[in-house]
PDB file of all heavy atoms in Angstrom:
ATOM      1  N   LEU A   1      90.835  40.739  82.246  1.00  0.00           N
ATOM      2  CA  LEU A   1      89.856  40.611  83.256  1.00  0.00           C
ATOM      3  C   LEU A   1      89.639  42.109  83.913  1.00  0.00           C
ATOM      4  O   LEU A   1      88.435  42.410  84.365  1.00  0.00           O
ATOM      5  CB  LEU A   1      90.293  39.665  84.353  1.00  0.00           C
ATOM      6  CG  LEU A   1      90.284  38.217  83.917  1.00  0.00           C
ATOM      7  CD1 LEU A   1      90.870  37.263  85.002  1.00  0.00           C
ATOM      8  CD2 LEU A   1      88.901  37.855  83.479  1.00  0.00           C
ATOM      9  N   ALA A   2      90.688  42.856  84.084  1.00  0.00           N
ATOM     10  CA  ALA A   2      90.518  44.154  84.652  1.00  0.00           C
ATOM     11  C   ALA A   2      89.855  45.111  83.786  1.00  0.00           C
ATOM     12  O   ALA A   2      89.173  46.065  84.325  1.00  0.00           O
ATOM     13  CB  ALA A   2      91.921  44.755  85.038  1.00  0.00           C
ATOM     14  N   LEU A   3      89.935  45.019  82.466  1.00  0.00           N
ATOM     15  CA  LEU A   3      89.308  45.949  81.538  1.00  0.00           C
ATOM     16  C   LEU A   3      87.798  45.752  81.486  1.00  0.00           C
ATOM     17  O   LEU A   3      87.152  46.598  81.073  1.00  0.00           O
ATOM     18  CB  LEU A   3      89.840  45.797  80.083  1.00  0.00           C
ATOM     19  CG  LEU A   3      91.240  46.289  79.903  1.00  0.00           C
ATOM     20  CD1 LEU A   3      91.802  45.877  78.573  1.00  0.00           C
ATOM     21  CD2 LEU A   3      91.241  47.792  80.118  1.00  0.00           C
ATOM     22  N   ILE A   4      87.273  44.543  81.899  1.00  0.00           N
ATOM     23  CA  ILE A   4      85.771  44.369  81.877  1.00  0.00           C
ATOM     24  C   ILE A   4      85.177  45.402  82.954  1.00  0.00           C
ATOM     25  O   ILE A   4      84.295  46.083  82.570  1.00  0.00           O
ATOM     26  CB  ILE A   4      85.448  42.877  82.260  1.00  0.00           C
ATOM     27  CG1 ILE A   4      85.986  42.052  81.183  1.00  0.00           C
ATOM     28  CG2 ILE A   4      83.971  42.759  82.552  1.00  0.00           C
ATOM     29  CD1 ILE A   4      85.774  40.598  81.408  1.00  0.00           C
ATOM     30  N   PRO A   5      85.642  45.475  84.172  1.00  0.00           N
ATOM     31  CA  PRO A   5      84.969  46.468  85.026  1.00  0.00           C
ATOM     32  C   PRO A   5      85.199  47.861  84.567  1.00  0.00           C
ATOM     33  O   PRO A   5      84.488  48.779  84.885  1.00  0.00           O
ATOM     34  CB  PRO A   5      85.629  46.238  86.432  1.00  0.00           C
ATOM     35  CG  PRO A   5      86.757  45.412  86.171  1.00  0.00           C
ATOM     36  CD  PRO A   5      86.491  44.604  85.026  1.00  0.00           C
ATOM     37  N   ALA A   6      86.386  48.119  83.951  1.00  0.00           N
ATOM     38  CA  ALA A   6      86.677  49.473  83.445  1.00  0.00           C
ATOM     39  C   ALA A   6      85.619  49.839  82.393  1.00  0.00           C
ATOM     40  O   ALA A   6      85.244  50.909  82.387  1.00  0.00           O
ATOM     41  CB  ALA A   6      88.113  49.562  82.778  1.00  0.00           C
ATOM     42  N   GLY A   7      85.273  48.888  81.483  1.00  0.00           N
ATOM     43  CA  GLY A   7      84.298  49.183  80.451  1.00  0.00           C
ATOM     44  C   GLY A   7      82.891  49.454  81.114  1.00  0.00           C
ATOM     45  O   GLY A   7      82.192  50.199  80.600  1.00  0.00           O
ATOM     46  N   ALA A   8      82.615  48.712  82.188  1.00  0.00           N
ATOM     47  CA  ALA A   8      81.354  48.824  82.780  1.00  0.00           C
ATOM     48  C   ALA A   8      81.355  50.197  83.470  1.00  0.00           C
ATOM     49  O   ALA A   8      80.317  51.049  83.468  1.00  0.00           O
ATOM     50  CB  ALA A   8      81.096  47.842  83.828  1.00  0.00           C
ATOM     51  N   ALA A   9      82.516  50.615  84.074  1.00  0.00           N
ATOM     52  CA  ALA A   9      82.446  51.915  84.800  1.00  0.00           C
ATOM     53  C   ALA A   9      82.370  53.091  83.744  1.00  0.00           C
ATOM     54  O   ALA A   9      81.696  54.106  83.895  1.00  0.00           O
ATOM     55  CB  ALA A   9      83.893  52.110  85.677  1.00  0.00           C
ATOM     56  N   TRP A  10      83.076  52.936  82.650  1.00  0.00           N
ATOM     57  CA  TRP A  10      82.980  54.030  81.570  1.00  0.00           C
ATOM     58  C   TRP A  10      81.517  54.103  81.080  1.00  0.00           C
ATOM     59  O   TRP A  10      81.081  55.265  80.898  1.00  0.00           O
ATOM     60  CB  TRP A  10      84.005  53.674  80.395  1.00  0.00           C
ATOM     61  CG  TRP A  10      83.945  54.560  79.222  1.00  0.00           C
ATOM     62  CD1 TRP A  10      83.166  54.519  78.207  1.00  0.00           C
ATOM     63  CD2 TRP A  10      84.717  55.719  79.131  1.00  0.00           C
ATOM     64  NE1 TRP A  10      83.307  55.633  77.311  1.00  0.00           N
ATOM     65  CE2 TRP A  10      84.362  56.363  77.835  1.00  0.00           C
ATOM     66  CE3 TRP A  10      85.780  56.305  79.735  1.00  0.00           C
ATOM     67  CZ2 TRP A  10      84.962  57.471  77.320  1.00  0.00           C
ATOM     68  CZ3 TRP A  10      86.337  57.394  79.247  1.00  0.00           C
ATOM     69  CH2 TRP A  10      85.942  57.982  78.038  1.00  0.00           C
ATOM     70  N   MET A  11      80.903  52.986  80.843  1.00  0.00           N
ATOM     71  CA  MET A  11      79.628  53.048  80.330  1.00  0.00           C
ATOM     72  C   MET A  11      78.548  53.733  81.350  1.00  0.00           C
ATOM     73  O   MET A  11      77.675  54.431  81.009  1.00  0.00           O
ATOM     74  CB  MET A  11      79.126  51.622  79.936  1.00  0.00           C
ATOM     75  CG  MET A  11      77.865  51.641  79.124  1.00  0.00           C
ATOM     76  SD  MET A  11      76.320  51.876  80.019  1.00  0.00           S
ATOM     77  CE  MET A  11      76.084  50.202  80.717  1.00  0.00           C
ATOM     78  N   ALA A  12      78.834  53.404  82.649  1.00  0.00           N
ATOM     79  CA  ALA A  12      77.946  53.860  83.684  1.00  0.00           C
ATOM     80  C   ALA A  12      78.102  55.337  83.776  1.00  0.00           C
ATOM     81  O   ALA A  12      76.934  56.107  83.803  1.00  0.00           O
ATOM     82  CB  ALA A  12      78.348  53.221  85.044  1.00  0.00           C
ATOM     83  N   VAL A  13      79.216  55.888  83.739  1.00  0.00           N
ATOM     84  CA  VAL A  13      79.392  57.378  83.766  1.00  0.00           C
ATOM     85  C   VAL A  13      78.878  57.935  82.608  1.00  0.00           C
ATOM     86  O   VAL A  13      78.118  58.973  82.578  1.00  0.00           O
ATOM     87  CB  VAL A  13      81.039  57.709  83.910  1.00  0.00           C
ATOM     88  CG1 VAL A  13      81.166  59.259  83.768  1.00  0.00           C
ATOM     89  CG2 VAL A  13      81.417  57.164  85.220  1.00  0.00           C
ATOM     90  N   GLN A  14      79.156  57.486  81.375  1.00  0.00           N
ATOM     91  CA  GLN A  14      78.756  58.063  80.136  1.00  0.00           C
ATOM     92  C   GLN A  14      77.249  58.082  80.122  1.00  0.00           C
ATOM     93  O   GLN A  14      76.601  59.112  79.732  1.00  0.00           O
ATOM     94  CB  GLN A  14      79.342  57.234  78.976  1.00  0.00           C
ATOM     95  CG  GLN A  14      79.048  57.841  77.662  1.00  0.00           C
ATOM     96  CD  GLN A  14      79.737  57.004  76.482  1.00  0.00           C
ATOM     97  OE1 GLN A  14      80.176  55.910  76.795  1.00  0.00           O
ATOM     98  NE2 GLN A  14      79.665  57.531  75.219  1.00  0.00           N
ATOM     99  N   SER A  15      76.541  56.952  80.321  1.00  0.00           N
ATOM    100  CA  SER A  15      75.062  56.865  80.211  1.00  0.00           C
ATOM    101  C   SER A  15      74.319  57.679  81.275  1.00  0.00           C
ATOM    102  O   SER A  15      73.384  58.348  81.088  1.00  0.00           O
ATOM    103  CB  SER A  15      74.613  55.402  80.427  1.00  0.00           C
ATOM    104  OG  SER A  15      74.936  54.968  81.613  1.00  0.00           O
ATOM    105  N   ASN A  16      74.993  57.815  82.494  1.00  0.00           N
ATOM    106  CA  ASN A  16      74.382  58.453  83.564  1.00  0.00           C
ATOM    107  C   ASN A  16      74.454  60.064  83.256  1.00  0.00           C
ATOM    108  O   ASN A  16      73.354  60.708  83.417  1.00  0.00           O
ATOM    109  CB  ASN A  16      75.103  58.271  84.942  1.00  0.00           C
ATOM    110  CG  ASN A  16      74.281  58.837  86.094  1.00  0.00           C
ATOM    111  OD1 ASN A  16      73.115  58.806  86.038  1.00  0.00           O
ATOM    112  ND2 ASN A  16      75.026  59.070  87.174  1.00  0.00           N
ATOM    113  N   LEU A  17      75.490  60.530  82.793  1.00  0.00           N
ATOM    114  CA  LEU A  17      75.640  62.071  82.446  1.00  0.00           C
ATOM    115  C   LEU A  17      74.808  62.234  81.303  1.00  0.00           C
ATOM    116  O   LEU A  17      74.070  63.336  81.254  1.00  0.00           O
ATOM    117  CB  LEU A  17      77.127  62.284  82.210  1.00  0.00           C
ATOM    118  CG  LEU A  17      78.056  62.318  83.528  1.00  0.00           C
ATOM    119  CD1 LEU A  17      79.463  62.611  83.022  1.00  0.00           C
ATOM    120  CD2 LEU A  17      77.638  63.295  84.459  1.00  0.00           C
ATOM    121  N   ASN A  18      74.849  61.525  80.238  1.00  0.00           N
ATOM    122  CA  ASN A  18      74.025  61.761  79.077  1.00  0.00           C
ATOM    123  C   ASN A  18      72.578  61.791  79.437  1.00  0.00           C
ATOM    124  O   ASN A  18      71.848  62.581  78.941  1.00  0.00           O
ATOM    125  CB  ASN A  18      74.316  60.576  77.969  1.00  0.00           C
ATOM    126  CG  ASN A  18      73.758  60.991  76.615  1.00  0.00           C
ATOM    127  OD1 ASN A  18      72.614  60.807  76.380  1.00  0.00           O
ATOM    128  ND2 ASN A  18      74.691  61.633  75.833  1.00  0.00           N
ATOM    129  N   ALA A  19      72.112  60.761  80.121  1.00  0.00           N
ATOM    130  CA  ALA A  19      70.705  60.709  80.689  1.00  0.00           C
ATOM    131  C   ALA A  19      70.311  62.041  81.284  1.00  0.00           C
ATOM    132  O   ALA A  19      69.204  62.555  81.193  1.00  0.00           O
ATOM    133  CB  ALA A  19      70.411  59.517  81.477  1.00  0.00           C
ATOM    134  N   GLU A  20      71.148  62.469  82.340  1.00  0.00           N
ATOM    135  CA  GLU A  20      70.946  63.583  83.077  1.00  0.00           C
ATOM    136  C   GLU A  20      70.741  64.857  82.142  1.00  0.00           C
ATOM    137  O   GLU A  20      69.952  65.782  82.354  1.00  0.00           O
ATOM    138  CB  GLU A  20      71.847  63.933  84.157  1.00  0.00           C
ATOM    139  CG  GLU A  20      71.894  62.838  85.322  1.00  0.00           C
ATOM    140  CD  GLU A  20      70.643  62.903  86.076  1.00  0.00           C
ATOM    141  OE1 GLU A  20      69.878  63.890  85.956  1.00  0.00           O
ATOM    142  OE2 GLU A  20      70.418  61.875  86.809  1.00  0.00           O
ATOM    143  N   VAL A  21      71.582  64.924  81.094  1.00  0.00           N
ATOM    144  CA  VAL A  21      71.443  66.101  80.145  1.00  0.00           C
ATOM    145  C   VAL A  21      70.190  66.119  79.455  1.00  0.00           C
ATOM    146  O   VAL A  21      69.590  67.049  79.253  1.00  0.00           O
ATOM    147  CB  VAL A  21      72.724  66.046  79.198  1.00  0.00           C
ATOM    148  CG1 VAL A  21      72.572  67.123  78.127  1.00  0.00           C
ATOM    149  CG2 VAL A  21      74.044  66.340  80.016  1.00  0.00           C
ATOM    150  N   GLN A  22      69.768  64.849  78.953  1.00  0.00           N
ATOM    151  CA  GLN A  22      68.563  64.841  78.174  1.00  0.00           C
ATOM    152  C   GLN A  22      67.329  65.033  79.052  1.00  0.00           C
ATOM    153  O   GLN A  22      66.374  65.579  78.540  1.00  0.00           O
ATOM    154  CB  GLN A  22      68.446  63.404  77.572  1.00  0.00           C
ATOM    155  CG  GLN A  22      69.506  63.086  76.444  1.00  0.00           C
ATOM    156  CD  GLN A  22      69.293  61.940  75.649  1.00  0.00           C
ATOM    157  OE1 GLN A  22      68.099  61.680  75.303  1.00  0.00           O
ATOM    158  NE2 GLN A  22      70.237  61.257  75.135  1.00  0.00           N
ATOM    159  N   LEU A  23      67.360  64.668  80.309  1.00  0.00           N
ATOM    160  CA  LEU A  23      66.261  64.830  81.235  1.00  0.00           C
ATOM    161  C   LEU A  23      66.197  66.288  81.533  1.00  0.00           C
ATOM    162  O   LEU A  23      64.991  66.809  81.697  1.00  0.00           O
ATOM    163  CB  LEU A  23      66.431  64.127  82.554  1.00  0.00           C
ATOM    164  CG  LEU A  23      66.204  62.485  82.348  1.00  0.00           C
ATOM    165  CD1 LEU A  23      66.708  61.814  83.625  1.00  0.00           C
ATOM    166  CD2 LEU A  23      64.753  62.206  82.225  1.00  0.00           C
ATOM    167  N   LEU A  24      67.239  66.996  81.536  1.00  0.00           N
ATOM    168  CA  LEU A  24      67.170  68.483  81.943  1.00  0.00           C
ATOM    169  C   LEU A  24      66.725  69.423  80.806  1.00  0.00           C
ATOM    170  O   LEU A  24      65.895  70.275  81.024  1.00  0.00           O
ATOM    171  CB  LEU A  24      68.678  68.802  82.285  1.00  0.00           C
ATOM    172  CG  LEU A  24      68.934  70.446  82.419  1.00  0.00           C
ATOM    173  CD1 LEU A  24      68.184  70.913  83.706  1.00  0.00           C
ATOM    174  CD2 LEU A  24      70.329  70.760  82.602  1.00  0.00           C
ATOM    175  N   LEU A  25      67.245  69.214  79.567  1.00  0.00           N
ATOM    176  CA  LEU A  25      66.941  70.121  78.467  1.00  0.00           C
ATOM    177  C   LEU A  25      65.680  70.215  77.966  1.00  0.00           C
ATOM    178  O   LEU A  25      65.041  69.156  77.709  1.00  0.00           O
ATOM    179  CB  LEU A  25      67.997  69.828  77.443  1.00  0.00           C
ATOM    180  CG  LEU A  25      69.474  69.936  77.695  1.00  0.00           C
ATOM    181  CD1 LEU A  25      70.361  69.398  76.622  1.00  0.00           C
ATOM    182  CD2 LEU A  25      69.878  71.378  77.971  1.00  0.00           C
ATOM    183  N   PRO A  26      64.954  71.304  77.918  1.00  0.00           N
ATOM    184  CA  PRO A  26      63.641  71.476  77.324  1.00  0.00           C
ATOM    185  C   PRO A  26      63.733  71.300  75.730  1.00  0.00           C
ATOM    186  O   PRO A  26      64.839  71.473  75.217  1.00  0.00           O
ATOM    187  CB  PRO A  26      63.214  72.840  77.794  1.00  0.00           C
ATOM    188  CG  PRO A  26      64.464  73.682  77.990  1.00  0.00           C
ATOM    189  CD  PRO A  26      65.415  72.680  78.488  1.00  0.00           C
TER     190      PRO A  26
END
């Protein structure tokens, strides 16, 4: 049960940072 929010948190950080990199780079 504890690992479910951990997976959600990992995905949130990973997707957020990756999206910001893609939005930034020309």
